Amino acid sequence: MSDIKIEHEKGEREGRYVARIAGREGEAEITYTRKGANLISADHTRAPDSLKGTGAAFALVEYMIADARRDGFKIIPVCTYVQAQYRKHPEWADVIAA
């Protein structure tokens, strides 16, 4: 869905990727914890009912994967949604810390 807007909010130890869709209430997010200079754990993905079925959660994972490739970090998939998407996308193996 091309009208999904994603922002990356970075904290010193924690952060999140946030997706919003114009004209829809709420926001979807993936929260993460920084585990080291080049390692994060994707802890939780959440999408309110108003965004379910829009592709917002998947867009967040794709954005996080692209960031990992560009910035050179690995992702520990703690979140069950990220784990499930990883199983469907073995091409992401280069940025997943198993």
N, C-alpha and C. Protein backbone atom coordinates (compact mmCIF):
# COMPACT_ATOMS: atom_id res chain seq x y z
N MET A 1 0.86 -1.18 0.00
CA MET A 1 0.00 0.00 0.00
C MET A 1 0.90 1.23 0.00
N SER A 2 0.78 2.06 -0.97
CA SER A 2 1.72 3.17 -1.16
C SER A 2 1.49 4.33 -0.21
N ASP A 3 0.34 4.39 0.48
CA ASP A 3 0.11 5.52 1.37
C ASP A 3 0.50 5.24 2.81
N ILE A 4 1.30 4.20 3.04
CA ILE A 4 1.83 3.91 4.37
C ILE A 4 3.06 4.79 4.59
N LYS A 5 3.05 5.56 5.65
CA LYS A 5 4.18 6.42 6.01
C LYS A 5 4.86 5.80 7.22
N ILE A 6 6.17 5.60 7.12
CA ILE A 6 6.92 4.97 8.19
C ILE A 6 7.95 5.94 8.74
N GLU A 7 8.04 5.98 10.06
CA GLU A 7 9.04 6.77 10.76
C GLU A 7 9.84 5.86 11.68
N HIS A 8 11.10 6.21 11.88
CA HIS A 8 11.97 5.46 12.77
C HIS A 8 12.31 6.37 13.94
N GLU A 9 11.87 5.99 15.13
CA GLU A 9 12.15 6.75 16.34
C GLU A 9 13.25 6.03 17.10
N LYS A 10 14.41 6.67 17.23
CA LYS A 10 15.57 6.05 17.86
C LYS A 10 15.81 6.61 19.25
N GLY A 11 15.98 5.71 20.19
CA GLY A 11 16.40 6.07 21.53
C GLY A 11 17.80 5.51 21.76
N GLU A 12 18.36 5.79 22.91
CA GLU A 12 19.71 5.30 23.20
C GLU A 12 19.75 3.77 23.28
N ARG A 13 18.74 3.16 23.96
CA ARG A 13 18.70 1.70 24.08
C ARG A 13 17.50 1.07 23.39
N GLU A 14 16.47 1.85 23.18
CA GLU A 14 15.25 1.33 22.59
C GLU A 14 14.80 2.23 21.45
N GLY A 15 13.96 1.67 20.61
CA GLY A 15 13.41 2.45 19.51
C GLY A 15 12.17 1.78 18.96
N ARG A 16 11.64 2.38 17.92
CA ARG A 16 10.48 1.78 17.28
C ARG A 16 10.35 2.29 15.86
N TYR A 17 9.75 1.46 15.04
CA TYR A 17 9.34 1.83 13.69
C TYR A 17 7.83 2.00 13.77
N VAL A 18 7.33 3.11 13.23
CA VAL A 18 5.91 3.45 13.34
C VAL A 18 5.33 3.64 11.93
N ALA A 19 4.18 3.03 11.70
CA ALA A 19 3.49 3.18 10.41
C ALA A 19 2.14 3.85 10.64
N ARG A 20 1.87 4.81 9.77
CA ARG A 20 0.58 5.51 9.79
C ARG A 20 0.03 5.53 8.37
N ILE A 21 -1.29 5.53 8.27
CA ILE A 21 -1.95 5.60 6.98
C ILE A 21 -2.92 6.78 7.02
N ALA A 22 -2.78 7.67 6.07
CA ALA A 22 -3.65 8.85 6.00
C ALA A 22 -5.12 8.42 5.95
N GLY A 23 -5.93 9.07 6.76
CA GLY A 23 -7.35 8.78 6.77
C GLY A 23 -7.76 7.63 7.67
N ARG A 24 -6.78 7.01 8.35
CA ARG A 24 -7.09 5.90 9.26
C ARG A 24 -6.56 6.25 10.66
N GLU A 25 -7.33 5.87 11.64
CA GLU A 25 -6.93 6.09 13.03
C GLU A 25 -5.86 5.09 13.44
N GLY A 26 -5.01 5.51 14.36
CA GLY A 26 -4.05 4.60 14.97
C GLY A 26 -2.74 4.50 14.22
N GLU A 27 -1.84 3.73 14.80
CA GLU A 27 -0.53 3.49 14.21
C GLU A 27 -0.09 2.07 14.52
N ALA A 28 0.64 1.49 13.59
CA ALA A 28 1.25 0.17 13.81
C ALA A 28 2.70 0.42 14.22
N GLU A 29 3.29 -0.52 14.95
CA GLU A 29 4.67 -0.33 15.38
C GLU A 29 5.40 -1.64 15.56
N ILE A 30 6.72 -1.56 15.40
CA ILE A 30 7.63 -2.60 15.85
C ILE A 30 8.55 -1.93 16.85
N THR A 31 8.59 -2.47 18.06
CA THR A 31 9.51 -1.95 19.06
C THR A 31 10.76 -2.82 19.08
N TYR A 32 11.88 -2.20 19.42
CA TYR A 32 13.13 -2.97 19.47
C TYR A 32 14.01 -2.47 20.61
N THR A 33 14.97 -3.32 20.96
CA THR A 33 15.98 -3.00 21.97
C THR A 33 17.34 -3.16 21.34
N ARG A 34 18.20 -2.19 21.55
CA ARG A 34 19.57 -2.26 21.05
C ARG A 34 20.36 -3.18 21.97
N LYS A 35 20.97 -4.21 21.40
CA LYS A 35 21.73 -5.21 22.15
C LYS A 35 23.23 -5.02 22.02
N GLY A 36 23.65 -4.16 21.12
CA GLY A 36 25.06 -3.90 20.88
C GLY A 36 25.17 -2.92 19.73
N ALA A 37 26.39 -2.61 19.35
CA ALA A 37 26.61 -1.62 18.29
C ALA A 37 25.96 -2.04 16.97
N ASN A 38 25.92 -3.33 16.69
CA ASN A 38 25.40 -3.82 15.41
C ASN A 38 24.34 -4.90 15.59
N LEU A 39 23.56 -4.80 16.68
CA LEU A 39 22.57 -5.84 16.97
C LEU A 39 21.36 -5.23 17.68
N ILE A 40 20.16 -5.56 17.17
CA ILE A 40 18.92 -5.19 17.86
C ILE A 40 18.05 -6.43 18.00
N SER A 41 17.12 -6.37 18.96
CA SER A 41 16.09 -7.42 19.03
C SER A 41 14.77 -6.77 18.65
N ALA A 42 14.09 -7.36 17.68
CA ALA A 42 12.74 -6.91 17.30
C ALA A 42 11.81 -7.54 18.32
N ASP A 43 11.31 -6.73 19.26
CA ASP A 43 10.62 -7.25 20.44
C ASP A 43 9.12 -7.47 20.26
N HIS A 44 8.46 -6.54 19.58
CA HIS A 44 7.00 -6.64 19.52
C HIS A 44 6.47 -5.87 18.30
N THR A 45 5.51 -6.46 17.63
CA THR A 45 4.80 -5.78 16.54
C THR A 45 3.35 -5.65 16.96
N ARG A 46 2.81 -4.47 16.76
CA ARG A 46 1.42 -4.20 17.14
C ARG A 46 0.75 -3.40 16.04
N ALA A 47 -0.47 -3.80 15.71
CA ALA A 47 -1.29 -3.05 14.75
C ALA A 47 -2.71 -3.00 15.30
N PRO A 48 -3.27 -1.80 15.41
CA PRO A 48 -4.66 -1.71 15.89
C PRO A 48 -5.62 -2.26 14.84
N ASP A 49 -6.82 -2.55 15.27
CA ASP A 49 -7.83 -3.09 14.34
C ASP A 49 -8.00 -2.20 13.11
N SER A 50 -7.87 -0.89 13.29
CA SER A 50 -8.08 0.04 12.18
C SER A 50 -7.03 -0.12 11.07
N LEU A 51 -5.89 -0.76 11.38
CA LEU A 51 -4.84 -0.95 10.38
C LEU A 51 -4.63 -2.40 9.97
N LYS A 52 -5.36 -3.31 10.58
CA LYS A 52 -5.21 -4.73 10.22
C LYS A 52 -5.65 -4.94 8.79
N GLY A 53 -4.87 -5.74 8.07
CA GLY A 53 -5.19 -6.04 6.67
C GLY A 53 -4.72 -4.99 5.69
N THR A 54 -4.02 -3.97 6.15
CA THR A 54 -3.56 -2.90 5.27
C THR A 54 -2.14 -3.11 4.76
N GLY A 55 -1.42 -4.06 5.36
CA GLY A 55 -0.02 -4.28 5.00
C GLY A 55 0.94 -3.44 5.81
N ALA A 56 0.42 -2.69 6.79
CA ALA A 56 1.27 -1.81 7.59
C ALA A 56 2.33 -2.58 8.38
N ALA A 57 1.95 -3.67 9.02
CA ALA A 57 2.91 -4.43 9.82
C ALA A 57 4.02 -5.01 8.95
N PHE A 58 3.65 -5.56 7.80
CA PHE A 58 4.66 -6.10 6.89
C PHE A 58 5.58 -5.00 6.37
N ALA A 59 5.01 -3.84 6.07
CA ALA A 59 5.82 -2.71 5.60
C ALA A 59 6.84 -2.31 6.66
N LEU A 60 6.46 -2.40 7.93
CA LEU A 60 7.41 -2.09 9.01
C LEU A 60 8.59 -3.06 9.01
N VAL A 61 8.29 -4.35 8.85
CA VAL A 61 9.37 -5.34 8.83
C VAL A 61 10.29 -5.10 7.64
N GLU A 62 9.72 -4.85 6.48
CA GLU A 62 10.55 -4.57 5.29
C GLU A 62 11.43 -3.35 5.50
N TYR A 63 10.89 -2.32 6.12
CA TYR A 63 11.65 -1.09 6.39
C TYR A 63 12.81 -1.37 7.34
N MET A 64 12.53 -2.17 8.39
CA MET A 64 13.57 -2.54 9.35
C MET A 64 14.66 -3.37 8.68
N ILE A 65 14.29 -4.29 7.81
CA ILE A 65 15.25 -5.11 7.07
C ILE A 65 16.13 -4.22 6.19
N ALA A 66 15.52 -3.27 5.50
CA ALA A 66 16.28 -2.35 4.64
C ALA A 66 17.25 -1.51 5.47
N ASP A 67 16.80 -1.04 6.64
CA ASP A 67 17.69 -0.29 7.53
C ASP A 67 18.88 -1.15 7.96
N ALA A 68 18.60 -2.41 8.31
CA ALA A 68 19.67 -3.31 8.75
C ALA A 68 20.71 -3.50 7.66
N ARG A 69 20.26 -3.67 6.45
CA ARG A 69 21.20 -3.84 5.33
C ARG A 69 22.00 -2.57 5.09
N ARG A 70 21.33 -1.43 5.11
CA ARG A 70 22.01 -0.16 4.85
C ARG A 70 22.98 0.21 5.97
N ASP A 71 22.56 -0.01 7.23
CA ASP A 71 23.35 0.45 8.37
C ASP A 71 24.24 -0.63 8.97
N GLY A 72 24.15 -1.87 8.47
CA GLY A 72 25.05 -2.93 8.88
C GLY A 72 24.77 -3.54 10.25
N PHE A 73 23.49 -3.68 10.61
CA PHE A 73 23.20 -4.36 11.88
C PHE A 73 22.39 -5.62 11.63
N LYS A 74 22.35 -6.48 12.64
CA LYS A 74 21.59 -7.73 12.59
C LYS A 74 20.39 -7.61 13.51
N ILE A 75 19.38 -8.44 13.24
CA ILE A 75 18.13 -8.41 13.98
C ILE A 75 17.89 -9.77 14.65
N ILE A 76 17.64 -9.76 15.94
CA ILE A 76 17.21 -10.96 16.66
C ILE A 76 15.67 -10.93 16.62
N PRO A 77 15.04 -11.89 15.96
CA PRO A 77 13.58 -11.85 15.83
C PRO A 77 12.87 -12.44 17.06
N VAL A 78 12.72 -11.63 18.11
CA VAL A 78 12.02 -12.06 19.32
C VAL A 78 10.51 -12.10 19.07
N CYS A 79 10.01 -11.12 18.38
CA CYS A 79 8.58 -10.99 18.07
C CYS A 79 8.11 -12.13 17.18
N THR A 80 6.97 -12.73 17.52
CA THR A 80 6.47 -13.86 16.73
C THR A 80 6.07 -13.45 15.31
N TYR A 81 5.62 -12.22 15.13
CA TYR A 81 5.27 -11.77 13.78
C TYR A 81 6.53 -11.67 12.92
N VAL A 82 7.59 -11.10 13.46
CA VAL A 82 8.85 -11.00 12.70
C VAL A 82 9.40 -12.40 12.43
N GLN A 83 9.31 -13.30 13.40
CA GLN A 83 9.74 -14.69 13.19
C GLN A 83 8.97 -15.33 12.04
N ALA A 84 7.65 -15.15 12.03
CA ALA A 84 6.82 -15.75 10.98
C ALA A 84 7.17 -15.18 9.61
N GLN A 85 7.40 -13.87 9.53
CA GLN A 85 7.76 -13.27 8.25
C GLN A 85 9.15 -13.73 7.80
N TYR A 86 10.06 -13.89 8.73
CA TYR A 86 11.39 -14.39 8.38
C TYR A 86 11.31 -15.79 7.77
N ARG A 87 10.46 -16.65 8.33
CA ARG A 87 10.30 -18.00 7.77
C ARG A 87 9.79 -17.95 6.34
N LYS A 88 9.00 -16.95 6.01
CA LYS A 88 8.47 -16.79 4.65
C LYS A 88 9.46 -16.11 3.72
N HIS A 89 10.49 -15.48 4.27
CA HIS A 89 11.43 -14.69 3.48
C HIS A 89 12.88 -15.06 3.82
N PRO A 90 13.33 -16.24 3.39
CA PRO A 90 14.70 -16.66 3.70
C PRO A 90 15.75 -15.73 3.10
N GLU A 91 15.36 -14.89 2.14
CA GLU A 91 16.31 -13.93 1.56
C GLU A 91 16.73 -12.85 2.57
N TRP A 92 16.08 -12.82 3.72
CA TRP A 92 16.46 -11.89 4.78
C TRP A 92 17.55 -12.45 5.69
N ALA A 93 18.01 -13.66 5.42
CA ALA A 93 18.97 -14.34 6.30
C ALA A 93 20.22 -13.51 6.56
N ASP A 94 20.59 -12.64 5.64
CA ASP A 94 21.82 -11.85 5.82
C ASP A 94 21.74 -10.86 6.97
N VAL A 95 20.53 -10.51 7.42
CA VAL A 95 20.42 -9.55 8.52
C VAL A 95 19.76 -10.14 9.76
N ILE A 96 19.41 -11.42 9.72
CA ILE A 96 18.78 -12.06 10.89
C ILE A 96 19.85 -12.77 11.70
N ALA A 97 19.88 -12.45 13.00
CA ALA A 97 20.80 -13.13 13.92
C ALA A 97 20.04 -14.31 14.52
N ALA A 98 20.41 -15.50 14.13
CA ALA A 98 19.68 -16.69 14.58
C ALA A 98 20.11 -17.13 15.96
